[in-house]
Amino acid sequence: MLLPRLTDCINCSSVPVLLADIDCKLTELAKDLYNNTVFSLNRKIQGQLTLDLLNYKRILQYKLCNPDYASGYTVEQIASRVKLLIHK
């Protein structure tokens, strides 16, 4: 199976940058949820995406403190999945 590469950025796969990207996407989703609730916009809310991003954020925070956490997965593998979720 072919896996597309989204970027050649060297700095993009570092843990602090990924955490900041996740925070930006979660902020965007929270604003959409707030506006949907307050203004009764009746738009679809991506709840599963929010949960997935929160799980990856937890994993990356643990990996930042302990590089041996989830040693079966590299930061690059996690970064590729996070980037796909962010641009969803």
N, C-alpha and C. Protein backbone atom coordinates (compact mmCIF):
# COMPACT_ATOMS: atom_id res chain seq x y z
N MET A 1 0.84 -1.18 0.00
CA MET A 1 0.00 0.00 0.00
C MET A 1 0.88 1.23 0.00
N LEU A 2 0.51 2.19 -0.81
CA LEU A 2 1.26 3.43 -0.88
C LEU A 2 0.80 4.40 0.19
N LEU A 3 1.76 5.03 0.85
CA LEU A 3 1.45 6.01 1.88
C LEU A 3 2.00 7.36 1.42
N PRO A 4 1.13 8.35 1.22
CA PRO A 4 1.61 9.64 0.74
C PRO A 4 2.40 10.38 1.81
N ARG A 5 3.35 11.13 1.37
CA ARG A 5 4.12 11.96 2.27
C ARG A 5 3.62 13.39 2.11
N LEU A 6 3.21 13.99 3.20
CA LEU A 6 2.58 15.30 3.12
C LEU A 6 3.56 16.45 3.05
N THR A 7 4.71 16.30 3.68
CA THR A 7 5.63 17.42 3.75
C THR A 7 7.06 16.93 3.88
N ASP A 8 7.99 17.78 3.50
CA ASP A 8 9.41 17.48 3.66
C ASP A 8 10.01 18.29 4.81
N CYS A 9 9.18 18.92 5.59
CA CYS A 9 9.62 19.78 6.67
C CYS A 9 10.30 18.94 7.76
N ILE A 10 11.52 19.28 8.09
CA ILE A 10 12.26 18.54 9.11
C ILE A 10 11.74 18.88 10.50
N ASN A 11 11.41 20.14 10.73
CA ASN A 11 10.97 20.59 12.03
C ASN A 11 9.52 20.18 12.34
N CYS A 12 8.76 19.80 11.32
CA CYS A 12 7.34 19.51 11.49
C CYS A 12 7.08 18.23 12.28
N SER A 13 8.04 17.34 12.34
CA SER A 13 7.81 16.09 13.05
C SER A 13 8.37 16.10 14.47
N SER A 14 8.71 17.27 14.98
CA SER A 14 9.15 17.33 16.37
C SER A 14 7.91 17.37 17.26
N VAL A 15 8.05 16.85 18.45
CA VAL A 15 6.92 16.71 19.36
C VAL A 15 6.30 18.05 19.75
N PRO A 16 7.08 19.08 20.12
CA PRO A 16 6.44 20.35 20.49
C PRO A 16 5.65 20.99 19.33
N VAL A 17 6.15 20.85 18.12
CA VAL A 17 5.43 21.40 16.96
C VAL A 17 4.13 20.64 16.73
N LEU A 18 4.18 19.33 16.87
CA LEU A 18 2.96 18.53 16.72
C LEU A 18 1.93 18.86 17.79
N LEU A 19 2.40 19.05 19.02
CA LEU A 19 1.48 19.43 20.09
C LEU A 19 0.83 20.78 19.83
N ALA A 20 1.59 21.72 19.30
CA ALA A 20 1.03 23.03 18.96
C ALA A 20 0.02 22.92 17.83
N ASP A 21 0.29 22.07 16.84
CA ASP A 21 -0.65 21.87 15.74
C ASP A 21 -1.95 21.24 16.24
N ILE A 22 -1.83 20.28 17.14
CA ILE A 22 -3.01 19.63 17.70
C ILE A 22 -3.83 20.64 18.50
N ASP A 23 -3.15 21.50 19.27
CA ASP A 23 -3.85 22.52 20.04
C ASP A 23 -4.61 23.49 19.14
N CYS A 24 -4.00 23.86 18.02
CA CYS A 24 -4.67 24.77 17.08
C CYS A 24 -5.93 24.12 16.49
N LYS A 25 -5.82 22.86 16.11
CA LYS A 25 -6.98 22.17 15.54
C LYS A 25 -8.07 21.97 16.59
N LEU A 26 -7.69 21.64 17.82
CA LEU A 26 -8.68 21.49 18.89
C LEU A 26 -9.37 22.82 19.19
N THR A 27 -8.63 23.91 19.12
CA THR A 27 -9.22 25.23 19.32
C THR A 27 -10.23 25.53 18.23
N GLU A 28 -9.88 25.20 17.01
CA GLU A 28 -10.80 25.40 15.89
C GLU A 28 -12.08 24.57 16.05
N LEU A 29 -11.93 23.32 16.46
CA LEU A 29 -13.09 22.46 16.68
C LEU A 29 -13.94 22.96 17.84
N ALA A 30 -13.29 23.47 18.89
CA ALA A 30 -14.03 24.00 20.04
C ALA A 30 -14.81 25.26 19.67
N LYS A 31 -14.22 26.12 18.85
CA LYS A 31 -14.93 27.31 18.40
C LYS A 31 -16.14 26.93 17.56
N ASP A 32 -15.99 25.93 16.68
CA ASP A 32 -17.12 25.47 15.87
C ASP A 32 -18.23 24.91 16.75
N LEU A 33 -17.85 24.16 17.77
CA LEU A 33 -18.85 23.59 18.68
C LEU A 33 -19.56 24.70 19.46
N TYR A 34 -18.80 25.67 19.92
CA TYR A 34 -19.39 26.79 20.65
C TYR A 34 -20.37 27.56 19.77
N ASN A 35 -19.93 27.91 18.57
CA ASN A 35 -20.80 28.65 17.66
C ASN A 35 -22.04 27.85 17.29
N ASN A 36 -21.86 26.55 17.13
CA ASN A 36 -22.99 25.69 16.81
C ASN A 36 -24.00 25.67 17.96
N THR A 37 -23.52 25.66 19.18
CA THR A 37 -24.40 25.63 20.34
C THR A 37 -25.08 26.98 20.57
N VAL A 38 -24.31 28.05 20.54
CA VAL A 38 -24.84 29.38 20.87
C VAL A 38 -25.79 29.90 19.79
N PHE A 39 -25.40 29.72 18.54
CA PHE A 39 -26.19 30.29 17.45
C PHE A 39 -27.13 29.28 16.79
N SER A 40 -27.21 28.08 17.33
CA SER A 40 -28.09 27.01 16.81
C SER A 40 -27.90 26.83 15.30
N LEU A 41 -26.65 26.63 14.90
CA LEU A 41 -26.33 26.52 13.48
C LEU A 41 -26.67 25.15 12.90
N ASN A 42 -26.79 24.14 13.76
CA ASN A 42 -27.14 22.79 13.34
C ASN A 42 -26.13 22.22 12.33
N ARG A 43 -24.87 22.46 12.58
CA ARG A 43 -23.81 21.90 11.76
C ARG A 43 -23.27 20.64 12.40
N LYS A 44 -22.71 19.77 11.58
CA LYS A 44 -22.17 18.51 12.08
C LYS A 44 -20.90 18.76 12.88
N ILE A 45 -20.81 18.12 14.03
CA ILE A 45 -19.63 18.24 14.90
C ILE A 45 -18.83 16.96 14.79
N GLN A 46 -17.51 17.08 14.62
CA GLN A 46 -16.64 15.93 14.45
C GLN A 46 -16.13 15.47 15.81
N GLY A 47 -16.96 14.74 16.52
CA GLY A 47 -16.61 14.29 17.86
C GLY A 47 -15.50 13.28 17.88
N GLN A 48 -15.52 12.34 16.92
CA GLN A 48 -14.48 11.31 16.87
C GLN A 48 -13.11 11.91 16.56
N LEU A 49 -13.09 12.93 15.71
CA LEU A 49 -11.83 13.61 15.40
C LEU A 49 -11.27 14.27 16.65
N THR A 50 -12.12 14.88 17.45
CA THR A 50 -11.69 15.51 18.69
C THR A 50 -11.09 14.49 19.64
N LEU A 51 -11.77 13.36 19.79
CA LEU A 51 -11.25 12.31 20.68
C LEU A 51 -9.92 11.74 20.18
N ASP A 52 -9.81 11.54 18.86
CA ASP A 52 -8.56 11.03 18.30
C ASP A 52 -7.42 12.00 18.54
N LEU A 53 -7.67 13.29 18.33
CA LEU A 53 -6.61 14.29 18.55
C LEU A 53 -6.20 14.36 20.01
N LEU A 54 -7.17 14.25 20.91
CA LEU A 54 -6.83 14.26 22.34
C LEU A 54 -6.01 13.03 22.72
N ASN A 55 -6.31 11.88 22.13
CA ASN A 55 -5.51 10.67 22.40
C ASN A 55 -4.09 10.82 21.87
N TYR A 56 -3.95 11.34 20.65
CA TYR A 56 -2.60 11.54 20.11
C TYR A 56 -1.83 12.60 20.89
N LYS A 57 -2.53 13.60 21.40
CA LYS A 57 -1.87 14.60 22.23
C LYS A 57 -1.33 13.97 23.51
N ARG A 58 -2.12 13.10 24.13
CA ARG A 58 -1.68 12.41 25.34
C ARG A 58 -0.45 11.54 25.03
N ILE A 59 -0.50 10.81 23.93
CA ILE A 59 0.63 9.95 23.55
C ILE A 59 1.88 10.79 23.32
N LEU A 60 1.75 11.91 22.62
CA LEU A 60 2.91 12.76 22.34
C LEU A 60 3.46 13.41 23.61
N GLN A 61 2.59 13.76 24.54
CA GLN A 61 3.08 14.33 25.80
C GLN A 61 3.86 13.28 26.59
N TYR A 62 3.38 12.05 26.61
CA TYR A 62 4.12 10.98 27.29
C TYR A 62 5.44 10.72 26.57
N LYS A 63 5.42 10.76 25.23
CA LYS A 63 6.63 10.50 24.46
C LYS A 63 7.64 11.64 24.62
N LEU A 64 7.16 12.84 24.88
CA LEU A 64 8.06 13.97 25.11
C LEU A 64 8.82 13.78 26.42
N CYS A 65 8.13 13.29 27.44
CA CYS A 65 8.76 13.06 28.75
C CYS A 65 9.60 11.79 28.77
N ASN A 66 9.15 10.76 28.08
CA ASN A 66 9.82 9.47 28.08
C ASN A 66 9.91 8.96 26.64
N PRO A 67 11.08 9.10 25.99
CA PRO A 67 11.21 8.67 24.60
C PRO A 67 10.98 7.17 24.39
N ASP A 68 11.06 6.38 25.43
CA ASP A 68 10.84 4.94 25.30
C ASP A 68 9.36 4.55 25.37
N TYR A 69 8.48 5.52 25.65
CA TYR A 69 7.05 5.24 25.69
C TYR A 69 6.57 4.92 24.27
N ALA A 70 5.80 3.86 24.14
CA ALA A 70 5.29 3.41 22.84
C ALA A 70 6.45 3.25 21.85
N SER A 71 7.44 2.50 22.27
CA SER A 71 8.66 2.37 21.46
C SER A 71 8.43 1.66 20.13
N GLY A 72 7.30 1.02 19.97
CA GLY A 72 6.98 0.37 18.70
C GLY A 72 6.63 1.35 17.61
N TYR A 73 6.38 2.60 17.99
CA TYR A 73 5.99 3.63 17.03
C TYR A 73 6.96 4.80 17.13
N THR A 74 7.40 5.27 15.99
CA THR A 74 8.31 6.42 15.96
C THR A 74 7.49 7.71 15.95
N VAL A 75 8.16 8.79 16.24
CA VAL A 75 7.49 10.10 16.23
C VAL A 75 7.04 10.42 14.80
N GLU A 76 7.80 9.99 13.79
CA GLU A 76 7.43 10.24 12.41
C GLU A 76 6.13 9.52 12.04
N GLN A 77 5.95 8.28 12.54
CA GLN A 77 4.72 7.55 12.28
C GLN A 77 3.53 8.24 12.93
N ILE A 78 3.72 8.68 14.16
CA ILE A 78 2.65 9.39 14.86
C ILE A 78 2.38 10.73 14.17
N ALA A 79 3.43 11.41 13.71
CA ALA A 79 3.27 12.70 13.05
C ALA A 79 2.47 12.56 11.76
N SER A 80 2.70 11.50 11.02
CA SER A 80 1.97 11.33 9.77
C SER A 80 0.47 11.15 10.05
N ARG A 81 0.14 10.40 11.08
CA ARG A 81 -1.27 10.20 11.44
C ARG A 81 -1.89 11.50 11.96
N VAL A 82 -1.14 12.25 12.75
CA VAL A 82 -1.64 13.52 13.28
C VAL A 82 -1.88 14.51 12.15
N LYS A 83 -0.97 14.58 11.20
CA LYS A 83 -1.13 15.49 10.07
C LYS A 83 -2.37 15.14 9.25
N LEU A 84 -2.64 13.84 9.06
CA LEU A 84 -3.84 13.43 8.35
C LEU A 84 -5.10 13.85 9.10
N LEU A 85 -5.07 13.71 10.42
CA LEU A 85 -6.24 14.10 11.21
C LEU A 85 -6.45 15.61 11.22
N ILE A 86 -5.36 16.36 11.27
CA ILE A 86 -5.47 17.82 11.32
C ILE A 86 -6.07 18.36 10.02
N HIS A 87 -5.72 17.77 8.91
CA HIS A 87 -6.20 18.27 7.62
C HIS A 87 -7.48 17.59 7.17
N LYS A 88 -8.13 16.90 8.08
CA LYS A 88 -9.37 16.21 7.77
C LYS A 88 -10.53 17.17 7.75
